[in-house]
């Protein structure tokens, strides 16, 4: 998809450099992926410990040993 946007050139240059991207497009795509990943991690952290588990420690140990 083509999109025309105005971006601070210094910000884009810095993002390209620190991300290791080879192109401006790659830098923008990496930034968007990082934004989405950070959001998902934040959601997971907010939900941590809120799901009731019906498993005891012995069963959990057995499951971990099988991995």
PDB file of N, CA and C in Angstrom:
ATOM      1  N   UNK A   1       0.847  -1.172   0.000  1.00  0.00           N
ATOM      2  CA  UNK A   1       0.000   0.000   0.000  1.00  0.00           C
ATOM      3  C   UNK A   1       0.896   1.240   0.000  1.00  0.00           C
ATOM      4  N   UNK A   2       0.609   2.132  -0.856  1.00  0.00           N
ATOM      5  CA  UNK A   2       1.357   3.387  -0.914  1.00  0.00           C
ATOM      6  C   UNK A   2       0.723   4.386   0.027  1.00  0.00           C
ATOM      7  N   UNK A   3       1.595   5.167   0.705  1.00  0.00           N
ATOM      8  CA  UNK A   3       1.133   6.150   1.658  1.00  0.00           C
ATOM      9  C   UNK A   3       2.110   7.306   1.648  1.00  0.00           C
ATOM     10  N   UNK A   4       1.593   8.488   1.649  1.00  0.00           N
ATOM     11  CA  UNK A   4       2.442   9.669   1.669  1.00  0.00           C
ATOM     12  C   UNK A   4       2.260  10.370   3.014  1.00  0.00           C
ATOM     13  N   UNK A   5       3.368  10.482   3.776  1.00  0.00           N
ATOM     14  CA  UNK A   5       3.306  11.116   5.090  1.00  0.00           C
ATOM     15  C   UNK A   5       4.500  12.052   5.257  1.00  0.00           C
ATOM     16  N   UNK A   6       4.367  12.986   6.158  1.00  0.00           N
ATOM     17  CA  UNK A   6       5.475  13.869   6.510  1.00  0.00           C
ATOM     18  C   UNK A   6       6.067  13.384   7.826  1.00  0.00           C
ATOM     19  N   UNK A   7       7.371  13.153   7.811  1.00  0.00           N
ATOM     20  CA  UNK A   7       8.072  12.647   8.987  1.00  0.00           C
ATOM     21  C   UNK A   7       9.304  13.517   9.213  1.00  0.00           C
ATOM     22  N   UNK A   8       9.589  13.799  10.460  1.00  0.00           N
ATOM     23  CA  UNK A   8      10.788  14.549  10.817  1.00  0.00           C
ATOM     24  C   UNK A   8      12.001  13.801  10.257  1.00  0.00           C
ATOM     25  N   UNK A   9      12.752  14.404   9.340  1.00  0.00           N
ATOM     26  CA  UNK A   9      13.891  13.712   8.721  1.00  0.00           C
ATOM     27  C   UNK A   9      14.934  13.228   9.725  1.00  0.00           C
ATOM     28  N   UNK A  10      15.207  14.024  10.755  1.00  0.00           N
ATOM     29  CA  UNK A  10      16.192  13.617  11.766  1.00  0.00           C
ATOM     30  C   UNK A  10      15.699  12.394  12.543  1.00  0.00           C
ATOM     31  N   UNK A  11      14.402  12.382  12.856  1.00  0.00           N
ATOM     32  CA  UNK A  11      13.819  11.245  13.576  1.00  0.00           C
ATOM     33  C   UNK A  11      13.883   9.979  12.729  1.00  0.00           C
ATOM     34  N   UNK A  12      13.560  10.102  11.460  1.00  0.00           N
ATOM     35  CA  UNK A  12      13.595   8.952  10.563  1.00  0.00           C
ATOM     36  C   UNK A  12      15.028   8.447  10.380  1.00  0.00           C
ATOM     37  N   UNK A  13      15.963   9.343  10.260  1.00  0.00           N
ATOM     38  CA  UNK A  13      17.372   8.957  10.127  1.00  0.00           C
ATOM     39  C   UNK A  13      17.851   8.220  11.378  1.00  0.00           C
ATOM     40  N   UNK A  14      17.491   8.737  12.542  1.00  0.00           N
ATOM     41  CA  UNK A  14      17.886   8.086  13.801  1.00  0.00           C
ATOM     42  C   UNK A  14      17.242   6.711  13.914  1.00  0.00           C
ATOM     43  N   UNK A  15      15.958   6.600  13.566  1.00  0.00           N
ATOM     44  CA  UNK A  15      15.257   5.318  13.623  1.00  0.00           C
ATOM     45  C   UNK A  15      15.890   4.308  12.669  1.00  0.00           C
ATOM     46  N   UNK A  16      16.268   4.767  11.500  1.00  0.00           N
ATOM     47  CA  UNK A  16      16.913   3.888  10.527  1.00  0.00           C
ATOM     48  C   UNK A  16      18.245   3.393  11.077  1.00  0.00           C
ATOM     49  N   UNK A  17      19.003   4.280  11.672  1.00  0.00           N
ATOM     50  CA  UNK A  17      20.320   3.936  12.204  1.00  0.00           C
ATOM     51  C   UNK A  17      20.219   2.971  13.389  1.00  0.00           C
ATOM     52  N   UNK A  18      19.386   3.302  14.374  1.00  0.00           N
ATOM     53  CA  UNK A  18      19.336   2.465  15.590  1.00  0.00           C
ATOM     54  C   UNK A  18      18.651   1.126  15.348  1.00  0.00           C
ATOM     55  N   UNK A  19      17.769   1.056  14.350  1.00  0.00           N
ATOM     56  CA  UNK A  19      17.090  -0.211  14.077  1.00  0.00           C
ATOM     57  C   UNK A  19      17.925  -1.131  13.203  1.00  0.00           C
ATOM     58  N   UNK A  20      18.944  -0.572  12.569  1.00  0.00           N
ATOM     59  CA  UNK A  20      19.761  -1.381  11.666  1.00  0.00           C
ATOM     60  C   UNK A  20      19.096  -1.591  10.326  1.00  0.00           C
ATOM     61  N   UNK A  21      18.041  -0.847  10.069  1.00  0.00           N
ATOM     62  CA  UNK A  21      17.310  -0.973   8.803  1.00  0.00           C
ATOM     63  C   UNK A  21      18.170  -0.466   7.652  1.00  0.00           C
ATOM     64  N   UNK A  22      17.945  -1.032   6.491  1.00  0.00           N
ATOM     65  CA  UNK A  22      18.690  -0.622   5.307  1.00  0.00           C
ATOM     66  C   UNK A  22      17.972   0.461   4.510  1.00  0.00           C
ATOM     67  N   UNK A  23      16.667   0.596   4.743  1.00  0.00           N
ATOM     68  CA  UNK A  23      15.888   1.594   4.026  1.00  0.00           C
ATOM     69  C   UNK A  23      14.958   2.306   4.997  1.00  0.00           C
ATOM     70  N   UNK A  24      14.447   3.438   4.562  1.00  0.00           N
ATOM     71  CA  UNK A  24      13.474   4.174   5.386  1.00  0.00           C
ATOM     72  C   UNK A  24      12.215   3.342   5.575  1.00  0.00           C
ATOM     73  N   UNK A  25      11.790   2.684   4.511  1.00  0.00           N
ATOM     74  CA  UNK A  25      10.597   1.830   4.587  1.00  0.00           C
ATOM     75  C   UNK A  25      10.779   0.736   5.636  1.00  0.00           C
ATOM     76  N   UNK A  26      11.942   0.097   5.617  1.00  0.00           N
ATOM     77  CA  UNK A  26      12.217  -0.959   6.581  1.00  0.00           C
ATOM     78  C   UNK A  26      12.216  -0.409   8.013  1.00  0.00           C
ATOM     79  N   UNK A  27      12.755   0.785   8.201  1.00  0.00           N
ATOM     80  CA  UNK A  27      12.771   1.406   9.529  1.00  0.00           C
ATOM     81  C   UNK A  27      11.353   1.657  10.027  1.00  0.00           C
ATOM     82  N   UNK A  28      10.494   2.152   9.141  1.00  0.00           N
ATOM     83  CA  UNK A  28       9.096   2.419   9.520  1.00  0.00           C
ATOM     84  C   UNK A  28       8.370   1.118   9.834  1.00  0.00           C
ATOM     85  N   UNK A  29       8.578   0.088   9.018  1.00  0.00           N
ATOM     86  CA  UNK A  29       7.917  -1.199   9.263  1.00  0.00           C
ATOM     87  C   UNK A  29       8.383  -1.806  10.589  1.00  0.00           C
ATOM     88  N   UNK A  30       9.685  -1.716  10.860  1.00  0.00           N
ATOM     89  CA  UNK A  30      10.200  -2.237  12.135  1.00  0.00           C
ATOM     90  C   UNK A  30       9.592  -1.474  13.312  1.00  0.00           C
ATOM     91  N   UNK A  31       9.465  -0.176  13.163  1.00  0.00           N
ATOM     92  CA  UNK A  31       8.875   0.633  14.238  1.00  0.00           C
ATOM     93  C   UNK A  31       7.425   0.238  14.483  1.00  0.00           C
ATOM     94  N   UNK A  32       6.673  -0.001  13.411  1.00  0.00           N
ATOM     95  CA  UNK A  32       5.267  -0.396  13.568  1.00  0.00           C
ATOM     96  C   UNK A  32       5.153  -1.776  14.209  1.00  0.00           C
ATOM     97  N   UNK A  33       6.012  -2.702  13.803  1.00  0.00           N
ATOM     98  CA  UNK A  33       5.995  -4.036  14.417  1.00  0.00           C
ATOM     99  C   UNK A  33       6.331  -3.947  15.909  1.00  0.00           C
ATOM    100  N   UNK A  34       7.306  -3.119  16.244  1.00  0.00           N
ATOM    101  CA  UNK A  34       7.691  -2.942  17.644  1.00  0.00           C
ATOM    102  C   UNK A  34       6.554  -2.334  18.449  1.00  0.00           C
ATOM    103  N   UNK A  35       5.867  -1.358  17.885  1.00  0.00           N
ATOM    104  CA  UNK A  35       4.726  -0.733  18.558  1.00  0.00           C
ATOM    105  C   UNK A  35       3.643  -1.770  18.860  1.00  0.00           C
ATOM    106  N   UNK A  36       3.337  -2.596  17.881  1.00  0.00           N
ATOM    107  CA  UNK A  36       2.297  -3.623  18.063  1.00  0.00           C
ATOM    108  C   UNK A  36       2.739  -4.659  19.093  1.00  0.00           C
ATOM    109  N   UNK A  37       3.997  -5.090  19.022  1.00  0.00           N
ATOM    110  CA  UNK A  37       4.511  -6.062  19.986  1.00  0.00           C
ATOM    111  C   UNK A  37       4.489  -5.506  21.405  1.00  0.00           C
ATOM    112  N   UNK A  38       4.884  -4.254  21.567  1.00  0.00           N
ATOM    113  CA  UNK A  38       4.862  -3.618  22.889  1.00  0.00           C
ATOM    114  C   UNK A  38       3.439  -3.557  23.437  1.00  0.00           C
ATOM    115  N   UNK A  39       2.484  -3.260  22.568  1.00  0.00           N
ATOM    116  CA  UNK A  39       1.084  -3.194  22.997  1.00  0.00           C
ATOM    117  C   UNK A  39       0.608  -4.575  23.462  1.00  0.00           C
ATOM    118  N   UNK A  40       0.932  -5.610  22.695  1.00  0.00           N
ATOM    119  CA  UNK A  40       0.532  -6.978  23.063  1.00  0.00           C
ATOM    120  C   UNK A  40       1.174  -7.403  24.383  1.00  0.00           C
ATOM    121  N   UNK A  41       2.439  -7.050  24.570  1.00  0.00           N
ATOM    122  CA  UNK A  41       3.114  -7.391  25.833  1.00  0.00           C
ATOM    123  C   UNK A  41       2.447  -6.680  27.002  1.00  0.00           C
ATOM    124  N   UNK A  42       2.079  -5.431  26.795  1.00  0.00           N
ATOM    125  CA  UNK A  42       1.387  -4.682  27.842  1.00  0.00           C
ATOM    126  C   UNK A  42       0.065  -5.322  28.205  1.00  0.00           C
ATOM    127  N   UNK A  43      -0.658  -5.804  27.189  1.00  0.00           N
ATOM    128  CA  UNK A  43      -1.924  -6.486  27.452  1.00  0.00           C
ATOM    129  C   UNK A  43      -1.687  -7.762  28.243  1.00  0.00           C
ATOM    130  N   UNK A  44      -0.670  -8.512  27.877  1.00  0.00           N
ATOM    131  CA  UNK A  44      -0.374  -9.762  28.573  1.00  0.00           C
ATOM    132  C   UNK A  44      -0.001  -9.490  30.028  1.00  0.00           C
ATOM    133  N   UNK A  45       0.773  -8.450  30.255  1.00  0.00           N
ATOM    134  CA  UNK A  45       1.175  -8.098  31.617  1.00  0.00           C
ATOM    135  C   UNK A  45      -0.048  -7.701  32.454  1.00  0.00           C
ATOM    136  N   UNK A  46      -0.956  -6.942  31.851  1.00  0.00           N
ATOM    137  CA  UNK A  46      -2.163  -6.531  32.592  1.00  0.00           C
ATOM    138  C   UNK A  46      -3.038  -7.728  32.959  1.00  0.00           C
ATOM    139  N   UNK A  47      -3.004  -8.780  32.126  1.00  0.00           N
ATOM    140  CA  UNK A  47      -3.839  -9.954  32.378  1.00  0.00           C
ATOM    141  C   UNK A  47      -3.131 -11.014  33.221  1.00  0.00           C
ATOM    142  N   UNK A  48      -1.849 -10.822  33.475  1.00  0.00           N
ATOM    143  CA  UNK A  48      -1.079 -11.813  34.236  1.00  0.00           C
ATOM    144  C   UNK A  48      -1.700 -12.030  35.615  1.00  0.00           C
ATOM    145  N   UNK A  49      -1.883 -13.269  35.919  1.00  0.00           N
ATOM    146  CA  UNK A  49      -2.412 -13.620  37.233  1.00  0.00           C
ATOM    147  C   UNK A  49      -3.913 -13.465  37.371  1.00  0.00           C
ATOM    148  N   UNK A  50      -4.602 -13.140  36.290  1.00  0.00           N
ATOM    149  CA  UNK A  50      -6.049 -12.936  36.385  1.00  0.00           C
ATOM    150  C   UNK A  50      -6.850 -14.141  35.914  1.00  0.00           C
ATOM    151  N   UNK A  51      -6.169 -15.162  35.386  1.00  0.00           N
ATOM    152  CA  UNK A  51      -6.858 -16.354  34.908  1.00  0.00           C
ATOM    153  C   UNK A  51      -6.742 -17.431  35.975  1.00  0.00           C
ATOM    154  N   UNK A  52      -7.864 -17.891  36.514  1.00  0.00           N
ATOM    155  CA  UNK A  52      -7.793 -18.927  37.554  1.00  0.00           C
ATOM    156  C   UNK A  52      -7.340 -20.266  36.957  1.00  0.00           C
ATOM    157  N   UNK A  53      -6.365 -20.898  37.582  1.00  0.00           N
ATOM    158  CA  UNK A  53      -5.876 -22.186  37.119  1.00  0.00           C
ATOM    159  C   UNK A  53      -6.373 -23.285  38.036  1.00  0.00           C
ATOM    160  N   UNK A  54      -6.742 -24.385  37.442  1.00  0.00           N
ATOM    161  CA  UNK A  54      -7.201 -25.534  38.229  1.00  0.00           C
ATOM    162  C   UNK A  54      -6.173 -26.653  38.095  1.00  0.00           C
ATOM    163  N   UNK A  55      -4.929 -26.339  38.426  1.00  0.00           N
ATOM    164  CA  UNK A  55      -3.850 -27.311  38.335  1.00  0.00           C
ATOM    165  C   UNK A  55      -3.021 -27.212  39.619  1.00  0.00           C
ATOM    166  N   UNK A  56      -2.606 -28.363  40.117  1.00  0.00           N
ATOM    167  CA  UNK A  56      -1.796 -28.328  41.334  1.00  0.00           C
ATOM    168  C   UNK A  56      -0.307 -28.353  40.976  1.00  0.00           C
ATOM    169  N   UNK A  57       0.532 -28.145  41.967  1.00  0.00           N
ATOM    170  CA  UNK A  57       1.973 -28.037  41.725  1.00  0.00           C
ATOM    171  C   UNK A  57       2.568 -29.329  41.185  1.00  0.00           C
ATOM    172  N   UNK A  58       2.099 -30.450  41.659  1.00  0.00           N
ATOM    173  CA  UNK A  58       2.644 -31.733  41.209  1.00  0.00           C
ATOM    174  C   UNK A  58       2.379 -31.932  39.717  1.00  0.00           C
ATOM    175  N   UNK A  59       1.191 -31.634  39.287  1.00  0.00           N
ATOM    176  CA  UNK A  59       0.852 -31.762  37.873  1.00  0.00           C
ATOM    177  C   UNK A  59       1.664 -30.783  37.038  1.00  0.00           C
ATOM    178  N   UNK A  60       1.839 -29.591  37.532  1.00  0.00           N
ATOM    179  CA  UNK A  60       2.625 -28.586  36.827  1.00  0.00           C
ATOM    180  C   UNK A  60       4.074 -29.055  36.675  1.00  0.00           C
ATOM    181  N   UNK A  61       4.649 -29.639  37.721  1.00  0.00           N
ATOM    182  CA  UNK A  61       6.015 -30.158  37.650  1.00  0.00           C
ATOM    183  C   UNK A  61       6.125 -31.249  36.586  1.00  0.00           C
ATOM    184  N   UNK A  62       5.148 -32.150  36.542  1.00  0.00           N
ATOM    185  CA  UNK A  62       5.153 -33.226  35.548  1.00  0.00           C
ATOM    186  C   UNK A  62       5.105 -32.648  34.135  1.00  0.00           C
ATOM    187  N   UNK A  63       4.277 -31.654  33.935  1.00  0.00           N
ATOM    188  CA  UNK A  63       4.162 -31.036  32.619  1.00  0.00           C
ATOM    189  C   UNK A  63       5.478 -30.370  32.200  1.00  0.00           C
ATOM    190  N   UNK A  64       6.141 -29.740  33.149  1.00  0.00           N
ATOM    191  CA  UNK A  64       7.423 -29.074  32.843  1.00  0.00           C
ATOM    192  C   UNK A  64       8.500 -30.103  32.524  1.00  0.00           C
ATOM    193  N   UNK A  65       8.479 -31.237  33.184  1.00  0.00           N
ATOM    194  CA  UNK A  65       9.482 -32.271  32.934  1.00  0.00           C
ATOM    195  C   UNK A  65       9.297 -32.906  31.571  1.00  0.00           C
ATOM    196  N   UNK A  66       8.079 -32.918  31.063  1.00  0.00           N
ATOM    197  CA  UNK A  66       7.803 -33.522  29.760  1.00  0.00           C
ATOM    198  C   UNK A  66       8.325 -32.663  28.601  1.00  0.00           C
ATOM    199  N   UNK A  67       8.570 -31.395  28.848  1.00  0.00           N
ATOM    200  CA  UNK A  67       9.010 -30.492  27.763  1.00  0.00           C
ATOM    201  C   UNK A  67      10.380 -30.800  27.295  1.00  0.00           C
TER     202      UNK A  67
END
